[in-house]
Amino acid sequence: MMRNILLLTGTFFILISANSQQLTNTFIFSKMDIAPQHTLWDGNQTMLMGFTPLMSSPIDIPGPTLRYTEGDSVQLQLRNMSQGASHTIHLHGLDVNQWNDGVPHLSWEVGHNETKSYFFKAPHPGTYLYHCHFTSSLHVQAGMYGLLIVDAQNPNETWDGGYSFHKDFAWMTSELDTVWHTDSIINYPHDTTTMVRLLPDYNPQYFLVNGRSEHELVDTNTAAIVAKANETILLRIANIGYYGNKFHFPMHLNARIISSDGRPLPSMVFSDTLDVLPGERYQVLLQGTSEFIDSISVKYFNLNTQNIENTQMVPVTISGFISSVNENETSVNSYIFPNPTNKHLSLVNVRGEMKISDSFGKIIFEKTITANQENLDVSHLSSGIYFIKTINKNFKFLKL
């Protein structure tokens, strides 16, 4: 009798502790198409199995992006409406306990017409992904995946004490083999007595960035990047496909790789190429210092043959220049051409931040000026056009 009382008391204490902590609650549905209705870039339609934010929402790929802030206590509820097939949500890369990690037979699964919840505390800021881990080879290809992002406490910072950025883009790459997306494969009767499913050879015909490809990638709501010169862009990359990806960034974007699989690298890596294998995630800082139009190429290579099977091009437009001027200040651009032959510039009535950049937008000198007049030695500069940018209320410059 005493043991029963202690057990009940312990259970009561746990419930009170859980209820006293505020939860961020997310609700998603797992669903399956009963006929082809997802339209691909060439107009063809295919069936999907995937996650949706509402019961009435059509299935799209990737599924809804799950976004939290570091330290959030999360309740992620899954309602399974997939007409027979069981599902889970595997939180790929997050530090969660085994019970909430969505791996069947090590935790639990969600049967048809059931609702179950995953509980976790959002760990390290970074880029992660989630996917079904039940018959995962088929269910992931069918469309059961999405991005999961954990933001830092400080907005526009990669992590506490990390890198700052102005804009945030996220790309999830994958492929699609329409042979797998048929009624006989996706809607195959669920068999609880076997662990083996025989599937056709994998030969994808569609290569996707955020579920889109070809001309669809020019849409900024899909993948295209639009920013101003000198804006720092955080590009989040996750590969959920079965092919490897080779990213090539234009030289003008000054790509710097800063994290891998949700963890900061010991030091940033300056590289205009990046290989991302299935399940990997990276974060890359990009910054164009001048205006240009170009594209980032994504090459999809077969892991068995290493052959590149397809290339997708994502447009990048850098237009205009970032302004750091507040309402009480004025920014003035002045031009020097050619570089003064007498080797010096005198800046009069300048107080505040001053930067000199070349004709490509590259900053070659910057200084905080506190005096009313500043003499600058520019003898080391080559002949050409240079821009002086200042943030102050009054600006005059005199070439000596």
Protein backbone atom coordinates (compact mmCIF):
# COMPACT_ATOMS: atom_id res chain seq x y z
CA MET A 1 0.00 0.00 0.00
CA MET A 2 2.78 2.38 0.91
CA ARG A 3 4.53 1.66 -2.40
CA ASN A 4 1.40 2.58 -4.38
CA ILE A 5 1.14 5.89 -2.54
CA LEU A 6 4.76 6.73 -3.31
CA LEU A 7 4.30 5.90 -6.99
CA LEU A 8 1.21 8.06 -7.24
CA THR A 9 2.97 10.90 -5.47
CA GLY A 10 5.91 10.64 -7.86
CA THR A 11 3.63 10.70 -10.90
CA PHE A 12 1.79 13.73 -9.56
CA PHE A 13 5.06 15.59 -9.06
CA ILE A 14 6.17 14.90 -12.63
CA LEU A 15 2.91 16.18 -14.05
CA ILE A 16 3.11 19.38 -12.02
CA SER A 17 6.71 19.99 -13.16
CA ALA A 18 5.83 19.46 -16.82
CA ASN A 19 2.75 21.67 -16.69
CA SER A 20 4.57 24.47 -14.92
CA GLN A 21 6.95 24.90 -17.87
CA GLN A 22 5.69 26.81 -20.87
CA LEU A 23 5.77 24.73 -24.06
CA THR A 24 6.08 25.82 -27.68
CA ASN A 25 3.44 23.64 -29.30
CA THR A 26 3.63 22.59 -32.98
CA PHE A 27 1.01 20.41 -34.67
CA ILE A 28 1.59 18.70 -38.02
CA PHE A 29 -0.21 16.02 -40.03
CA SER A 30 1.18 13.08 -41.98
CA LYS A 31 -0.83 12.41 -45.13
CA MET A 32 -0.76 10.52 -48.41
CA ASP A 33 -2.09 11.44 -51.85
CA ILE A 34 -4.62 9.02 -53.30
CA ALA A 35 -3.89 10.24 -56.84
CA PRO A 36 -1.15 12.27 -58.58
CA GLN A 37 -1.70 15.94 -57.73
CA HIS A 38 1.72 17.48 -57.01
CA THR A 39 2.83 19.40 -60.12
CA LEU A 40 6.50 19.25 -61.11
CA TRP A 41 8.44 21.88 -63.09
CA ASP A 42 7.55 20.34 -66.48
CA GLY A 43 3.83 20.07 -65.75
CA ASN A 44 3.83 16.38 -64.88
CA GLN A 45 2.06 15.36 -61.70
CA THR A 46 3.04 12.81 -59.09
CA MET A 47 1.85 11.36 -55.79
CA LEU A 48 3.40 12.33 -52.48
CA MET A 49 3.41 11.18 -48.89
CA GLY A 50 4.38 13.97 -46.55
CA PHE A 51 3.81 16.38 -43.68
CA THR A 52 1.37 19.31 -43.73
CA PRO A 53 0.63 22.13 -41.24
CA LEU A 54 -3.15 21.66 -41.61
CA MET A 55 -5.37 18.73 -42.40
CA SER A 56 -6.74 20.69 -45.37
CA SER A 57 -3.29 21.60 -46.76
CA PRO A 58 -2.05 19.79 -49.87
CA ILE A 59 1.18 17.84 -49.48
CA ASP A 60 4.24 19.80 -50.58
CA ILE A 61 7.96 19.08 -50.43
CA PRO A 62 9.73 19.80 -48.27
CA GLY A 63 7.23 19.77 -45.41
CA PRO A 64 6.71 22.82 -43.19
CA THR A 65 9.88 24.30 -41.72
CA LEU A 66 9.92 23.84 -37.94
CA ARG A 67 11.60 26.87 -36.35
CA TYR A 68 12.46 27.40 -32.71
CA THR A 69 14.74 29.55 -30.56
CA GLU A 70 17.56 28.07 -28.52
CA GLY A 71 16.23 26.94 -25.15
CA ASP A 72 12.59 26.56 -26.24
CA SER A 73 10.74 23.66 -24.65
CA VAL A 74 8.89 22.06 -27.55
CA GLN A 75 5.90 19.78 -27.87
CA LEU A 76 5.72 18.50 -31.45
CA GLN A 77 2.43 16.70 -32.10
CA LEU A 78 1.99 14.37 -35.07
CA ARG A 79 -1.45 13.37 -36.31
CA ASN A 80 -1.20 10.43 -38.72
CA MET A 81 -3.81 10.41 -41.50
CA SER A 82 -1.89 8.25 -43.99
CA GLN A 83 -4.52 5.52 -44.40
CA GLY A 84 -2.67 2.58 -42.89
CA ALA A 85 1.07 3.29 -42.87
CA SER A 86 2.71 4.08 -39.53
CA HIS A 87 5.04 7.08 -39.26
CA THR A 88 7.49 8.77 -36.93
CA ILE A 89 9.36 12.06 -36.78
CA HIS A 90 13.10 11.59 -36.50
CA LEU A 91 14.79 14.80 -35.30
CA HIS A 92 17.94 14.42 -37.39
CA GLY A 93 20.97 15.91 -35.64
CA LEU A 94 19.25 17.28 -32.54
CA ASP A 95 20.39 16.22 -29.08
CA VAL A 96 17.18 14.62 -27.82
CA ASN A 97 16.66 11.50 -25.73
CA GLN A 98 16.06 8.16 -27.44
CA TRP A 99 12.37 8.08 -26.54
CA ASN A 100 11.72 11.27 -28.52
CA ASP A 101 14.09 10.59 -31.42
CA GLY A 102 11.55 8.88 -33.69
CA VAL A 103 13.47 5.68 -34.44
CA PRO A 104 11.01 2.72 -34.48
CA HIS A 105 11.68 -0.16 -32.09
CA LEU A 106 13.89 2.17 -30.03
CA SER A 107 11.09 4.60 -29.24
CA TRP A 108 7.59 4.37 -30.72
CA GLU A 109 5.56 4.95 -33.89
CA VAL A 110 2.33 6.71 -34.74
CA GLY A 111 -0.36 4.53 -36.31
CA HIS A 112 -3.13 5.66 -38.62
CA ASN A 113 -5.62 8.02 -36.97
CA GLU A 114 -3.38 8.39 -33.92
CA THR A 115 -1.88 11.54 -32.39
CA LYS A 116 1.31 11.43 -30.36
CA SER A 117 3.74 14.04 -29.08
CA TYR A 118 7.50 14.48 -29.10
CA PHE A 119 9.04 16.57 -26.34
CA PHE A 120 12.47 18.18 -26.50
CA LYS A 121 14.35 21.31 -25.58
CA ALA A 122 15.75 23.14 -28.61
CA PRO A 123 19.52 22.68 -28.30
CA HIS A 124 22.38 24.33 -30.16
CA PRO A 125 21.46 27.00 -32.73
CA GLY A 126 21.89 25.60 -36.19
CA THR A 127 20.34 23.88 -39.19
CA TYR A 128 18.78 20.45 -38.79
CA LEU A 129 16.17 18.34 -40.54
CA TYR A 130 13.35 15.97 -39.69
CA HIS A 131 11.98 12.97 -41.53
CA CYS A 132 9.94 9.83 -41.09
CA HIS A 133 12.06 6.91 -39.90
CA PHE A 134 9.48 4.20 -40.53
CA THR A 135 10.28 2.28 -43.75
CA SER A 136 12.50 5.31 -44.17
CA SER A 137 14.00 4.47 -47.58
CA LEU A 138 10.54 4.70 -49.11
CA HIS A 139 8.91 7.28 -46.86
CA VAL A 140 11.73 9.83 -47.17
CA GLN A 141 11.75 9.51 -50.97
CA ALA A 142 7.95 9.79 -50.91
CA GLY A 143 8.28 13.28 -49.42
CA MET A 144 8.25 12.87 -45.63
CA TYR A 145 10.92 15.42 -44.72
CA GLY A 146 11.49 19.05 -43.82
CA LEU A 147 13.90 21.55 -42.29
CA LEU A 148 14.23 22.24 -38.58
CA ILE A 149 16.00 25.46 -37.61
CA VAL A 150 17.10 26.52 -34.14
CA ASP A 151 17.78 30.27 -33.98
CA ALA A 152 20.16 31.89 -31.51
CA GLN A 153 18.80 34.00 -28.69
CA ASN A 154 20.19 37.12 -30.36
CA PRO A 155 18.49 37.83 -33.70
CA ASN A 156 20.74 37.84 -36.77
CA GLU A 157 23.52 35.98 -34.98
CA THR A 158 24.55 32.43 -35.88
CA TRP A 159 25.10 31.47 -32.24
CA ASP A 160 26.11 33.18 -29.00
CA GLY A 161 29.34 34.97 -29.80
CA GLY A 162 29.16 33.79 -33.43
CA TYR A 163 28.81 35.60 -36.75
CA SER A 164 26.27 38.31 -37.50
CA PHE A 165 24.23 38.35 -40.72
CA HIS A 166 21.58 40.45 -42.44
CA LYS A 167 19.59 37.85 -44.40
CA ASP A 168 18.84 34.18 -43.88
CA PHE A 169 18.16 31.66 -46.69
CA ALA A 170 17.59 27.92 -46.33
CA TRP A 171 17.97 25.29 -49.06
CA MET A 172 16.99 21.65 -48.79
CA THR A 173 18.15 19.48 -51.68
CA SER A 174 16.58 16.18 -52.75
CA GLU A 175 15.63 14.11 -55.80
CA LEU A 176 12.45 12.41 -56.99
CA ASP A 177 11.98 9.12 -58.84
CA THR A 178 8.42 9.04 -60.18
CA VAL A 179 8.52 5.22 -60.42
CA TRP A 180 8.52 5.14 -56.63
CA HIS A 181 5.65 7.65 -56.47
CA THR A 182 2.96 5.33 -57.75
CA ASP A 183 -0.04 3.74 -56.13
CA SER A 184 1.56 0.28 -56.11
CA ILE A 185 4.61 1.60 -54.20
CA ILE A 186 3.39 4.42 -51.94
CA ASN A 187 -0.02 2.93 -51.28
CA TYR A 188 1.28 -0.61 -50.78
CA PRO A 189 -0.75 -2.36 -48.06
CA HIS A 190 0.91 -1.98 -44.66
CA ASP A 191 2.29 -5.33 -43.48
CA THR A 192 3.05 -5.49 -39.76
CA THR A 193 4.66 -8.93 -40.07
CA THR A 194 7.65 -8.02 -42.24
CA MET A 195 10.58 -5.63 -42.03
CA VAL A 196 11.50 -5.93 -45.74
CA ARG A 197 10.10 -4.00 -48.68
CA LEU A 198 11.34 -4.66 -52.21
CA LEU A 199 11.75 -1.39 -54.10
CA PRO A 200 12.70 -0.63 -57.72
CA ASP A 201 16.18 0.64 -58.56
CA TYR A 202 16.50 4.33 -57.76
CA ASN A 203 16.79 6.46 -60.90
CA PRO A 204 15.55 9.98 -60.16
CA GLN A 205 14.27 12.15 -62.99
CA TYR A 206 13.84 15.34 -60.94
CA PHE A 207 16.51 17.16 -58.94
CA LEU A 208 15.21 19.61 -56.41
CA VAL A 209 16.11 22.62 -54.30
CA ASN A 210 13.34 23.26 -51.78
CA GLY A 211 11.15 20.90 -53.79
CA ARG A 212 11.54 22.90 -57.02
CA SER A 213 13.83 22.86 -60.05
CA GLU A 214 14.73 24.51 -63.35
CA HIS A 215 12.82 27.78 -64.02
CA GLU A 216 11.01 27.52 -60.66
CA LEU A 217 14.24 28.42 -58.87
CA VAL A 218 14.12 32.05 -60.04
CA ASP A 219 11.36 32.72 -57.51
CA THR A 220 12.71 34.36 -54.36
CA ASN A 221 10.05 32.52 -52.38
CA THR A 222 11.62 29.26 -53.56
CA ALA A 223 15.40 29.58 -53.58
CA ALA A 224 16.71 32.62 -55.48
CA ILE A 225 18.90 34.97 -53.45
CA VAL A 226 18.46 38.74 -53.65
CA ALA A 227 20.57 41.01 -51.47
CA LYS A 228 22.52 44.25 -51.43
CA ALA A 229 26.24 44.66 -51.76
CA ASN A 230 28.02 44.19 -48.42
CA GLU A 231 25.00 42.49 -46.86
CA THR A 232 26.02 39.28 -45.09
CA ILE A 233 23.90 36.30 -46.11
CA LEU A 234 23.55 33.17 -44.00
CA LEU A 235 22.82 30.24 -46.33
CA ARG A 236 21.59 27.08 -44.61
CA ILE A 237 22.08 23.90 -46.65
CA ALA A 238 20.62 20.44 -45.93
CA ASN A 239 20.72 17.36 -48.18
CA ILE A 240 17.89 14.86 -47.68
CA GLY A 241 18.30 13.15 -51.07
CA TYR A 242 20.11 9.93 -51.94
CA TYR A 243 22.65 11.68 -54.18
CA GLY A 244 25.58 13.84 -53.16
CA ASN A 245 25.65 17.56 -53.96
CA LYS A 246 28.50 19.73 -55.18
CA PHE A 247 27.87 23.42 -54.58
CA HIS A 248 29.83 26.03 -56.46
CA PHE A 249 29.59 29.64 -55.30
CA PRO A 250 30.55 32.59 -57.51
CA MET A 251 33.90 34.10 -56.53
CA HIS A 252 32.18 37.46 -55.94
CA LEU A 253 30.17 35.98 -53.03
CA ASN A 254 33.27 35.33 -50.89
CA ALA A 255 31.85 32.09 -49.46
CA ARG A 256 32.88 31.09 -45.94
CA ILE A 257 31.80 27.76 -44.42
CA ILE A 258 31.18 28.23 -40.71
CA SER A 259 29.34 25.17 -39.37
CA SER A 260 28.64 21.51 -40.08
CA ASP A 261 25.76 19.36 -38.82
CA GLY A 262 24.62 21.96 -36.30
CA ARG A 263 28.04 22.61 -34.77
CA PRO A 264 30.47 25.50 -35.40
CA LEU A 265 33.68 24.66 -37.22
CA PRO A 266 36.90 25.42 -35.27
CA SER A 267 37.57 28.15 -37.82
CA MET A 268 35.77 29.33 -40.92
CA VAL A 269 36.77 27.76 -44.22
CA PHE A 270 37.12 30.04 -47.25
CA SER A 271 36.03 27.99 -50.26
CA ASP A 272 33.90 28.49 -53.36
CA THR A 273 33.01 24.77 -53.45
CA LEU A 274 31.26 22.52 -50.96
CA ASP A 275 30.31 18.84 -51.09
CA VAL A 276 27.20 17.88 -49.09
CA LEU A 277 26.38 14.19 -48.66
CA PRO A 278 22.95 12.77 -47.75
CA GLY A 279 21.89 13.82 -44.26
CA GLU A 280 24.56 16.52 -43.91
CA ARG A 281 23.89 20.16 -43.09
CA TYR A 282 26.14 23.17 -43.48
CA GLN A 283 25.93 26.90 -42.87
CA VAL A 284 27.73 29.24 -45.24
CA LEU A 285 28.24 33.00 -45.05
CA LEU A 286 28.05 34.87 -48.37
CA GLN A 287 28.79 38.52 -49.04
CA GLY A 288 28.89 40.28 -52.37
CA THR A 289 30.91 43.48 -52.23
CA SER A 290 29.66 44.80 -55.57
CA GLU A 291 26.57 44.59 -57.74
CA PHE A 292 26.29 41.56 -60.02
CA ILE A 293 23.95 38.86 -61.29
CA ASP A 294 25.15 35.27 -61.24
CA SER A 295 24.07 31.86 -59.94
CA ILE A 296 25.06 29.15 -57.50
CA SER A 297 25.32 25.76 -59.17
CA VAL A 298 24.22 22.54 -57.45
CA LYS A 299 25.53 19.35 -59.07
CA TYR A 300 23.88 16.04 -58.12
CA PHE A 301 26.24 13.07 -58.25
CA ASN A 302 25.53 9.35 -57.96
CA LEU A 303 27.25 7.98 -54.86
CA ASN A 304 27.93 4.64 -56.55
CA THR A 305 29.38 5.88 -59.83
CA GLN A 306 30.41 9.42 -58.75
CA ASN A 307 28.89 10.59 -62.05
CA ILE A 308 27.17 13.96 -62.08
CA GLU A 309 23.59 13.30 -63.19
CA ASN A 310 22.14 16.80 -63.12
CA THR A 311 22.94 20.45 -62.40
CA GLN A 312 20.55 23.04 -61.03
CA MET A 313 21.32 26.77 -61.13
CA VAL A 314 19.98 29.06 -58.42
CA PRO A 315 20.04 32.77 -59.36
CA VAL A 316 21.84 35.32 -57.18
CA THR A 317 21.21 39.04 -57.60
CA ILE A 318 23.28 41.59 -55.67
CA SER A 319 21.78 45.01 -56.29
CA GLY A 320 22.23 48.29 -54.45
CA PHE A 321 24.35 48.92 -51.39
CA ILE A 322 23.53 48.34 -47.76
CA SER A 323 22.86 51.47 -45.78
CA SER A 324 23.95 51.80 -42.18
CA VAL A 325 22.67 55.31 -41.76
CA ASN A 326 20.19 56.18 -39.05
CA GLU A 327 17.61 58.91 -39.20
CA ASN A 328 19.95 61.51 -37.67
CA GLU A 329 22.87 60.89 -39.99
CA THR A 330 23.76 61.37 -43.63
CA SER A 331 25.93 59.13 -45.81
CA VAL A 332 27.91 60.76 -48.62
CA ASN A 333 29.85 59.04 -51.39
CA SER A 334 32.79 60.93 -52.91
CA TYR A 335 34.84 59.83 -55.87
CA ILE A 336 38.58 60.04 -56.42
CA PHE A 337 39.88 59.60 -59.95
CA PRO A 338 42.68 59.13 -60.48
CA ASN A 339 44.23 58.51 -57.12
CA PRO A 340 45.57 61.94 -55.99
CA THR A 341 49.07 62.41 -57.30
CA ASN A 342 50.11 64.48 -54.31
CA LYS A 343 49.63 61.41 -52.07
CA HIS A 344 47.32 62.91 -49.46
CA LEU A 345 43.63 63.66 -48.86
CA SER A 346 42.34 66.06 -46.27
CA LEU A 347 38.90 65.31 -44.86
CA VAL A 348 37.23 68.31 -43.22
CA ASN A 349 34.29 68.31 -40.80
CA VAL A 350 34.19 64.52 -40.67
CA ARG A 351 33.29 62.68 -37.49
CA GLY A 352 32.21 59.07 -37.43
CA GLU A 353 32.84 55.98 -39.51
CA MET A 354 34.77 56.40 -42.73
CA LYS A 355 35.44 53.69 -45.35
CA ILE A 356 37.32 53.71 -48.65
CA SER A 357 36.41 51.03 -51.18
CA ASP A 358 37.62 50.32 -54.70
CA SER A 359 35.48 50.18 -57.84
CA PHE A 360 34.57 46.54 -57.11
CA GLY A 361 33.12 47.49 -53.74
CA LYS A 362 35.96 45.91 -51.76
CA ILE A 363 36.71 47.85 -48.60
CA ILE A 364 40.42 48.62 -48.49
CA PHE A 365 40.54 51.08 -45.59
CA GLU A 366 38.26 52.05 -42.72
CA LYS A 367 38.67 54.27 -39.69
CA THR A 368 36.70 56.04 -36.98
CA ILE A 369 37.44 59.77 -37.20
CA THR A 370 37.03 61.98 -34.13
CA ALA A 371 38.86 65.16 -35.18
CA ASN A 372 37.46 67.97 -37.33
CA GLN A 373 40.11 67.35 -39.96
CA GLU A 374 41.85 64.15 -41.00
CA ASN A 375 44.79 63.84 -43.40
CA LEU A 376 44.98 60.49 -45.15
CA ASP A 377 48.03 59.03 -46.90
CA VAL A 378 46.75 57.41 -50.12
CA SER A 379 50.11 57.00 -51.85
CA HIS A 380 49.82 53.21 -51.65
CA LEU A 381 46.62 53.16 -53.74
CA SER A 382 46.73 52.37 -57.44
CA SER A 383 45.21 54.76 -59.96
CA GLY A 384 41.47 54.33 -60.34
CA ILE A 385 38.09 55.19 -58.93
CA TYR A 386 37.67 55.03 -55.17
CA PHE A 387 34.66 55.65 -53.00
CA ILE A 388 34.72 57.40 -49.67
CA LYS A 389 31.70 56.59 -47.53
CA THR A 390 31.09 58.34 -44.27
CA ILE A 391 28.37 58.40 -41.64
CA ASN A 392 28.16 61.89 -40.18
CA LYS A 393 26.03 65.02 -40.35
CA ASN A 394 28.46 67.21 -42.27
CA PHE A 395 30.99 66.10 -44.84
CA LYS A 396 33.45 68.04 -46.90
CA PHE A 397 36.58 66.67 -48.44
CA LEU A 398 39.48 68.57 -49.89
CA LYS A 399 42.08 67.05 -52.16
CA LEU A 400 45.49 68.46 -51.29
